[in-house]
Amino acid sequence: MISNEQKRKAKEKVKTELKKFIAIAFYLWVFLSLFEIHRFVILREANAASLSGYRLGFAAINALVLGKVILIGEALHAGERLREKRVIHSVLYRSAVFALLVVCFEIVEEVIVGVIHGKSVVASIPQLGGGGLEGKILVAIMAFVVLIPFFLFSELERVLGKDSLYSLIVQNTSKSKAA
């Protein structure tokens, strides 16, 4: 039988994980949307494109899926190898590990969808970044750079504590306060 205390702890854990998931998905959605806007601008420069090429909804769905991938990776302690080293080393390492995880997940996801739709595994491999190994590396580099601020924030929160980081961010930093 589950005690009331265990139920309360389980509810708190779900609430915490849901907040974390929403924050991750929102962060990713902002960046994926910016990439879509950038793509739209580039296509529009090439020819007068309509808004039909703009896939903001796709960016939201992808952010939700990738947010879950990041949560699962964190639950499996991916990228925590350098956690006790300098914050910058931990941030860069985690960003690299999760960028690779995101690219691998994208490939696996597209292969599964392709196979479900009757394509061969080889035909289902996505043409990330324009295709080929170079395209996959370019997407991994973009994911790496996008994840640096995210993991920097989460590492600072871990090192400083949530309240200290929040205070540091929202605190009035005028010189009159320091005096």
Protein backbone atom coordinates (compact mmCIF):
# COMPACT_ATOMS: atom_id res chain seq x y z
CA MET A 1 0.00 0.00 0.00
CA ILE A 2 1.24 3.46 -0.86
CA SER A 3 1.35 5.87 2.05
CA ASN A 4 0.21 9.48 1.86
CA GLU A 5 3.83 10.59 2.19
CA GLN A 6 4.84 8.47 -0.82
CA LYS A 7 1.92 9.88 -2.83
CA ARG A 8 2.93 13.42 -1.91
CA LYS A 9 6.55 12.80 -2.90
CA ALA A 10 5.46 11.21 -6.17
CA LYS A 11 3.21 14.21 -6.96
CA GLU A 12 6.06 16.62 -6.16
CA LYS A 13 8.42 14.65 -8.41
CA VAL A 14 5.90 14.70 -11.27
CA LYS A 15 5.31 18.43 -10.77
CA THR A 16 9.05 19.17 -10.75
CA GLU A 17 9.70 17.03 -13.84
CA LEU A 18 6.76 18.61 -15.68
CA LYS A 19 8.07 22.12 -14.95
CA LYS A 20 11.51 21.05 -16.12
CA PHE A 21 10.06 19.50 -19.29
CA ILE A 22 8.05 22.65 -20.07
CA ALA A 23 11.13 24.84 -19.59
CA ILE A 24 13.27 22.59 -21.82
CA ALA A 25 10.57 22.34 -24.51
CA PHE A 26 9.99 26.10 -24.47
CA TYR A 27 13.72 26.80 -24.78
CA LEU A 28 14.01 24.37 -27.69
CA TRP A 29 10.84 25.71 -29.33
CA VAL A 30 12.26 29.25 -29.30
CA PHE A 31 15.45 28.12 -31.03
CA LEU A 32 13.74 25.77 -33.47
CA SER A 33 11.30 28.56 -34.36
CA LEU A 34 14.21 30.93 -34.94
CA PHE A 35 15.78 28.34 -37.24
CA GLU A 36 12.47 28.10 -39.12
CA ILE A 37 12.26 31.88 -39.41
CA HIS A 38 15.86 31.93 -40.66
CA ARG A 39 15.04 29.22 -43.21
CA PHE A 40 12.01 31.20 -44.34
CA VAL A 41 14.09 34.37 -44.74
CA ILE A 42 16.74 32.53 -46.78
CA LEU A 43 14.09 30.90 -49.00
CA ARG A 44 12.33 34.24 -49.38
CA GLU A 45 15.56 35.88 -50.53
CA ALA A 46 15.97 33.16 -53.16
CA ASN A 47 12.41 33.59 -54.42
CA ALA A 48 9.21 35.19 -53.20
CA ALA A 49 8.13 32.43 -50.83
CA SER A 50 4.83 32.36 -49.05
CA LEU A 51 4.26 31.68 -45.39
CA SER A 52 3.33 28.10 -46.28
CA GLY A 53 7.03 27.16 -45.98
CA TYR A 54 7.07 28.32 -42.37
CA ARG A 55 6.64 25.33 -40.02
CA LEU A 56 6.19 26.80 -36.55
CA GLY A 57 3.88 23.96 -35.50
CA PHE A 58 6.51 21.44 -36.54
CA ALA A 59 9.05 23.33 -34.42
CA ALA A 60 6.72 23.02 -31.40
CA ILE A 61 6.22 19.28 -31.89
CA ASN A 62 9.93 18.74 -32.41
CA ALA A 63 10.68 20.77 -29.25
CA LEU A 64 8.35 18.56 -27.21
CA VAL A 65 9.96 15.39 -28.54
CA LEU A 66 13.52 16.66 -28.13
CA GLY A 67 12.66 17.97 -24.66
CA LYS A 68 11.65 14.45 -23.69
CA VAL A 69 14.89 13.09 -25.19
CA ILE A 70 16.88 15.54 -23.05
CA LEU A 71 14.91 14.57 -19.92
CA ILE A 72 15.54 10.88 -20.61
CA GLY A 73 19.23 11.60 -21.21
CA GLU A 74 19.42 13.46 -17.92
CA ALA A 75 17.62 10.64 -16.12
CA LEU A 76 20.24 8.26 -17.53
CA HIS A 77 22.97 10.68 -16.31
CA ALA A 78 24.27 11.27 -19.84
CA GLY A 79 27.03 13.86 -19.95
CA GLU A 80 27.67 13.95 -16.21
CA ARG A 81 31.21 12.63 -16.48
CA LEU A 82 32.82 16.05 -15.94
CA ARG A 83 30.24 17.34 -13.47
CA GLU A 84 32.76 17.75 -10.65
CA LYS A 85 35.23 19.65 -12.86
CA ARG A 86 35.01 23.32 -13.83
CA VAL A 87 31.53 24.50 -14.79
CA ILE A 88 32.63 25.41 -18.32
CA HIS A 89 34.06 21.93 -18.92
CA SER A 90 30.86 20.33 -17.68
CA VAL A 91 28.72 22.65 -19.81
CA LEU A 92 30.69 22.04 -23.00
CA TYR A 93 30.84 18.29 -22.42
CA ARG A 94 27.12 18.01 -21.68
CA SER A 95 26.28 20.18 -24.69
CA ALA A 96 28.37 17.93 -26.94
CA VAL A 97 26.90 14.70 -25.55
CA PHE A 98 23.33 15.95 -25.83
CA ALA A 99 23.94 17.38 -29.33
CA LEU A 100 25.04 13.92 -30.44
CA LEU A 101 22.05 12.40 -28.65
CA VAL A 102 19.68 14.80 -30.43
CA VAL A 103 21.20 14.07 -33.86
CA CYS A 104 21.10 10.31 -33.25
CA PHE A 105 17.50 10.54 -32.09
CA GLU A 106 16.54 12.57 -35.18
CA ILE A 107 18.06 9.89 -37.41
CA VAL A 108 16.40 7.01 -35.55
CA GLU A 109 13.04 8.83 -35.53
CA GLU A 110 13.13 9.45 -39.29
CA VAL A 111 14.19 5.86 -40.02
CA ILE A 112 11.31 4.49 -37.93
CA VAL A 113 8.80 6.81 -39.64
CA GLY A 114 10.21 5.85 -43.06
CA VAL A 115 10.02 2.12 -42.35
CA ILE A 116 6.43 2.52 -41.11
CA HIS A 117 5.61 4.22 -44.43
CA GLY A 118 7.16 1.37 -46.44
CA LYS A 119 10.60 2.84 -47.20
CA SER A 120 13.82 0.91 -46.75
CA VAL A 121 16.07 1.77 -43.80
CA VAL A 122 18.66 3.38 -46.12
CA ALA A 123 16.01 5.43 -47.94
CA SER A 124 14.64 6.59 -44.58
CA ILE A 125 17.90 8.09 -43.30
CA PRO A 126 17.20 11.83 -43.14
CA GLN A 127 19.12 14.39 -45.15
CA LEU A 128 19.99 16.50 -42.10
CA GLY A 129 21.72 19.76 -42.95
CA GLY A 130 21.45 19.07 -46.68
CA GLY A 131 22.52 15.43 -46.44
CA GLY A 132 25.64 13.40 -45.99
CA LEU A 133 28.05 13.30 -43.09
CA GLU A 134 28.81 17.01 -43.51
CA GLY A 135 25.11 17.89 -43.04
CA LYS A 136 24.85 15.78 -39.90
CA ILE A 137 27.99 17.43 -38.50
CA LEU A 138 26.56 20.89 -39.23
CA VAL A 139 23.30 20.02 -37.44
CA ALA A 140 25.31 18.62 -34.49
CA ILE A 141 27.34 21.86 -34.32
CA MET A 142 24.15 23.94 -34.30
CA ALA A 143 22.64 21.73 -31.58
CA PHE A 144 25.86 21.98 -29.57
CA VAL A 145 25.86 25.80 -29.68
CA VAL A 146 22.13 26.02 -28.89
CA LEU A 147 22.53 23.75 -25.86
CA ILE A 148 25.44 25.69 -24.29
CA PRO A 149 23.26 28.42 -22.68
CA PHE A 150 20.76 25.80 -21.53
CA PHE A 151 23.37 23.67 -19.78
CA LEU A 152 25.21 26.73 -18.48
CA PHE A 153 22.03 27.85 -16.76
CA SER A 154 21.33 24.36 -15.35
CA GLU A 155 24.92 23.95 -14.12
CA LEU A 156 24.90 27.38 -12.47
CA GLU A 157 21.60 26.47 -10.81
CA ARG A 158 23.16 23.25 -9.52
CA VAL A 159 26.33 24.97 -8.24
CA LEU A 160 24.82 28.18 -6.84
CA GLY A 161 21.41 26.85 -5.85
CA LYS A 162 18.08 27.80 -7.38
CA ASP A 163 17.39 30.70 -4.99
CA SER A 164 20.86 32.23 -5.36
CA LEU A 165 20.73 32.05 -9.14
CA TYR A 166 17.24 33.55 -9.23
CA SER A 167 18.36 36.34 -6.90
CA LEU A 168 21.42 36.98 -9.05
CA ILE A 169 19.34 37.23 -12.22
CA VAL A 170 16.53 39.46 -10.94
CA GLN A 171 18.52 41.50 -8.43
CA ASN A 172 18.88 45.22 -9.05
CA THR A 173 22.54 45.76 -9.83
CA SER A 174 22.68 49.56 -9.69
CA LYS A 175 25.68 51.11 -7.96
CA SER A 176 23.44 52.82 -5.43
CA LYS A 177 22.53 49.40 -3.99
CA ALA A 178 26.19 48.40 -3.62
CA ALA A 179 27.07 51.47 -1.57
